C-alpha atoms as a PDB file:
ATOM      1  CA  UNK A   1     -33.786  84.831  79.005  1.00  0.00           C
ATOM      2  CA  UNK A   2     -30.112  84.691  78.209  1.00  0.00           C
ATOM      3  CA  UNK A   3     -27.666  83.968  81.007  1.00  0.00           C
ATOM      4  CA  UNK A   4     -30.508  84.333  83.509  1.00  0.00           C
ATOM      5  CA  UNK A   5     -31.394  87.835  82.302  1.00  0.00           C
ATOM      6  CA  UNK A   6     -34.311  89.038  80.203  1.00  0.00           C
ATOM      7  CA  UNK A   7     -33.353  90.107  76.687  1.00  0.00           C
ATOM      8  CA  UNK A   8     -35.496  91.209  73.727  1.00  0.00           C
ATOM      9  CA  UNK A   9     -36.563  88.396  71.379  1.00  0.00           C
ATOM     10  CA  UNK A  10     -34.468  89.939  68.597  1.00  0.00           C
ATOM     11  CA  UNK A  11     -31.316  88.960  70.486  1.00  0.00           C
ATOM     12  CA  UNK A  12     -32.082  85.239  70.342  1.00  0.00           C
ATOM     13  CA  UNK A  13     -33.581  85.523  66.834  1.00  0.00           C
ATOM     14  CA  UNK A  14     -30.159  86.673  65.605  1.00  0.00           C
ATOM     15  CA  UNK A  15     -28.684  83.332  66.726  1.00  0.00           C
ATOM     16  CA  UNK A  16     -30.868  81.288  64.341  1.00  0.00           C
ATOM     17  CA  UNK A  17     -31.125  81.127  60.549  1.00  0.00           C
ATOM     18  CA  UNK A  18     -34.598  80.978  59.067  1.00  0.00           C
ATOM     19  CA  UNK A  19     -35.770  77.390  58.684  1.00  0.00           C
ATOM     20  CA  UNK A  20     -32.874  75.931  60.683  1.00  0.00           C
ATOM     21  CA  UNK A  21     -33.479  74.340  64.085  1.00  0.00           C
ATOM     22  CA  UNK A  22     -29.823  74.631  65.079  1.00  0.00           C
ATOM     23  CA  UNK A  23     -28.296  77.868  66.294  1.00  0.00           C
ATOM     24  CA  UNK A  24     -25.473  79.347  64.261  1.00  0.00           C
ATOM     25  CA  UNK A  25     -23.072  78.408  67.098  1.00  0.00           C
ATOM     26  CA  UNK A  26     -24.291  74.790  67.237  1.00  0.00           C
ATOM     27  CA  UNK A  27     -24.139  74.451  63.443  1.00  0.00           C
ATOM     28  CA  UNK A  28     -20.565  75.763  63.407  1.00  0.00           C
ATOM     29  CA  UNK A  29     -19.488  73.394  66.193  1.00  0.00           C
ATOM     30  CA  UNK A  30     -21.072  70.415  64.427  1.00  0.00           C
ATOM     31  CA  UNK A  31     -19.493  71.346  61.073  1.00  0.00           C
ATOM     32  CA  UNK A  32     -16.024  71.693  62.633  1.00  0.00           C
ATOM     33  CA  UNK A  33     -16.370  68.439  64.584  1.00  0.00           C
ATOM     34  CA  UNK A  34     -17.438  66.531  61.470  1.00  0.00           C
ATOM     35  CA  UNK A  35     -14.763  67.965  59.179  1.00  0.00           C
ATOM     36  CA  UNK A  36     -11.806  67.697  61.582  1.00  0.00           C
ATOM     37  CA  UNK A  37     -10.330  64.201  61.941  1.00  0.00           C
ATOM     38  CA  UNK A  38      -8.756  65.121  65.293  1.00  0.00           C
ATOM     39  CA  UNK A  39     -12.212  65.453  66.912  1.00  0.00           C
ATOM     40  CA  UNK A  40     -13.178  61.989  68.155  1.00  0.00           C
ATOM     41  CA  UNK A  41     -15.946  62.896  70.622  1.00  0.00           C
ATOM     42  CA  UNK A  42     -18.637  65.574  70.614  1.00  0.00           C
ATOM     43  CA  UNK A  43     -20.807  66.257  73.667  1.00  0.00           C
ATOM     44  CA  UNK A  44     -23.897  68.425  73.096  1.00  0.00           C
ATOM     45  CA  UNK A  45     -25.420  70.243  76.062  1.00  0.00           C
ATOM     46  CA  UNK A  46     -28.687  72.203  76.312  1.00  0.00           C
ATOM     47  CA  UNK A  47     -30.282  74.327  79.001  1.00  0.00           C
ATOM     48  CA  UNK A  48     -33.970  73.515  79.427  1.00  0.00           C
ATOM     49  CA  UNK A  49     -34.859  76.469  81.664  1.00  0.00           C
ATOM     50  CA  UNK A  50     -33.465  79.997  81.823  1.00  0.00           C
ATOM     51  CA  UNK A  51     -32.225  79.352  85.364  1.00  0.00           C
ATOM     52  CA  UNK A  52     -31.292  75.707  84.777  1.00  0.00           C
ATOM     53  CA  UNK A  53     -27.949  73.995  84.443  1.00  0.00           C
ATOM     54  CA  UNK A  54     -26.670  72.626  81.151  1.00  0.00           C
ATOM     55  CA  UNK A  55     -27.633  68.988  80.560  1.00  0.00           C
ATOM     56  CA  UNK A  56     -25.935  66.464  78.294  1.00  0.00           C
ATOM     57  CA  UNK A  57     -28.374  65.616  75.474  1.00  0.00           C
ATOM     58  CA  UNK A  58     -26.133  63.924  72.902  1.00  0.00           C
ATOM     59  CA  UNK A  59     -22.728  62.251  72.736  1.00  0.00           C
ATOM     60  CA  UNK A  60     -21.051  61.329  69.453  1.00  0.00           C
ATOM     61  CA  UNK A  61     -18.106  58.945  69.757  1.00  0.00           C
ATOM     62  CA  UNK A  62     -15.482  57.753  67.273  1.00  0.00           C
ATOM     63  CA  UNK A  63     -15.369  58.266  63.532  1.00  0.00           C
ATOM     64  CA  UNK A  64     -15.309  56.172  60.395  1.00  0.00           C
ATOM     65  CA  UNK A  65     -12.653  57.017  57.804  1.00  0.00           C
ATOM     66  CA  UNK A  66     -15.226  59.055  55.859  1.00  0.00           C
ATOM     67  CA  UNK A  67     -15.922  61.253  58.923  1.00  0.00           C
ATOM     68  CA  UNK A  68     -19.279  59.741  59.929  1.00  0.00           C
ATOM     69  CA  UNK A  69     -19.735  59.146  63.655  1.00  0.00           C
ATOM     70  CA  UNK A  70     -19.543  55.517  64.832  1.00  0.00           C
ATOM     71  CA  UNK A  71     -21.908  55.910  67.784  1.00  0.00           C
ATOM     72  CA  UNK A  72     -24.486  58.538  68.752  1.00  0.00           C
ATOM     73  CA  UNK A  73     -26.106  58.391  72.191  1.00  0.00           C
ATOM     74  CA  UNK A  74     -29.096  60.596  73.056  1.00  0.00           C
ATOM     75  CA  UNK A  75     -30.141  61.628  76.553  1.00  0.00           C
ATOM     76  CA  UNK A  76     -32.960  63.719  78.042  1.00  0.00           C
ATOM     77  CA  UNK A  77     -36.314  64.628  76.538  1.00  0.00           C
ATOM     78  CA  UNK A  78     -37.011  65.466  72.898  1.00  0.00           C
ATOM     79  CA  UNK A  79     -37.920  69.044  73.834  1.00  0.00           C
ATOM     80  CA  UNK A  80     -34.567  69.516  75.555  1.00  0.00           C
ATOM     81  CA  UNK A  81     -32.725  68.060  72.544  1.00  0.00           C
ATOM     82  CA  UNK A  82     -34.537  70.449  70.176  1.00  0.00           C
ATOM     83  CA  UNK A  83     -33.004  73.918  70.123  1.00  0.00           C
ATOM     84  CA  UNK A  84     -36.049  75.464  68.457  1.00  0.00           C
ATOM     85  CA  UNK A  85     -38.406  73.876  71.007  1.00  0.00           C
ATOM     86  CA  UNK A  86     -36.250  75.158  73.854  1.00  0.00           C
ATOM     87  CA  UNK A  87     -36.126  78.612  72.299  1.00  0.00           C
ATOM     88  CA  UNK A  88     -39.923  78.807  71.912  1.00  0.00           C
ATOM     89  CA  UNK A  89     -40.454  77.595  75.485  1.00  0.00           C
ATOM     90  CA  UNK A  90     -38.165  80.319  76.792  1.00  0.00           C
ATOM     91  CA  UNK A  91     -39.962  82.921  74.709  1.00  0.00           C
ATOM     92  CA  UNK A  92     -43.304  82.006  76.323  1.00  0.00           C
ATOM     93  CA  UNK A  93     -41.783  82.497  79.780  1.00  0.00           C
ATOM     94  CA  UNK A  94     -40.655  86.076  79.098  1.00  0.00           C
ATOM     95  CA  UNK A  95     -43.085  88.562  80.716  1.00  0.00           C
END
């Protein structure tokens, strides 16, 4: 399911690189947030069910001079925080 609608598995497969748990979009957002000094907070949201609302799963706050985050808070379940786990769960629900 994507946006509440059934789509072929190939559609979601195109969003992931082999061997990488993060989607291409999530990897790009993380890379930009870590390399740009102006970004001082990053909120990561996931959707646990095709018809569900986005839930906050991680908040990164403040940066050291070398770009590392000062604080990382995690929320929700491990399955919700894992993009690959969420993706495989959705795949099982497709008729």
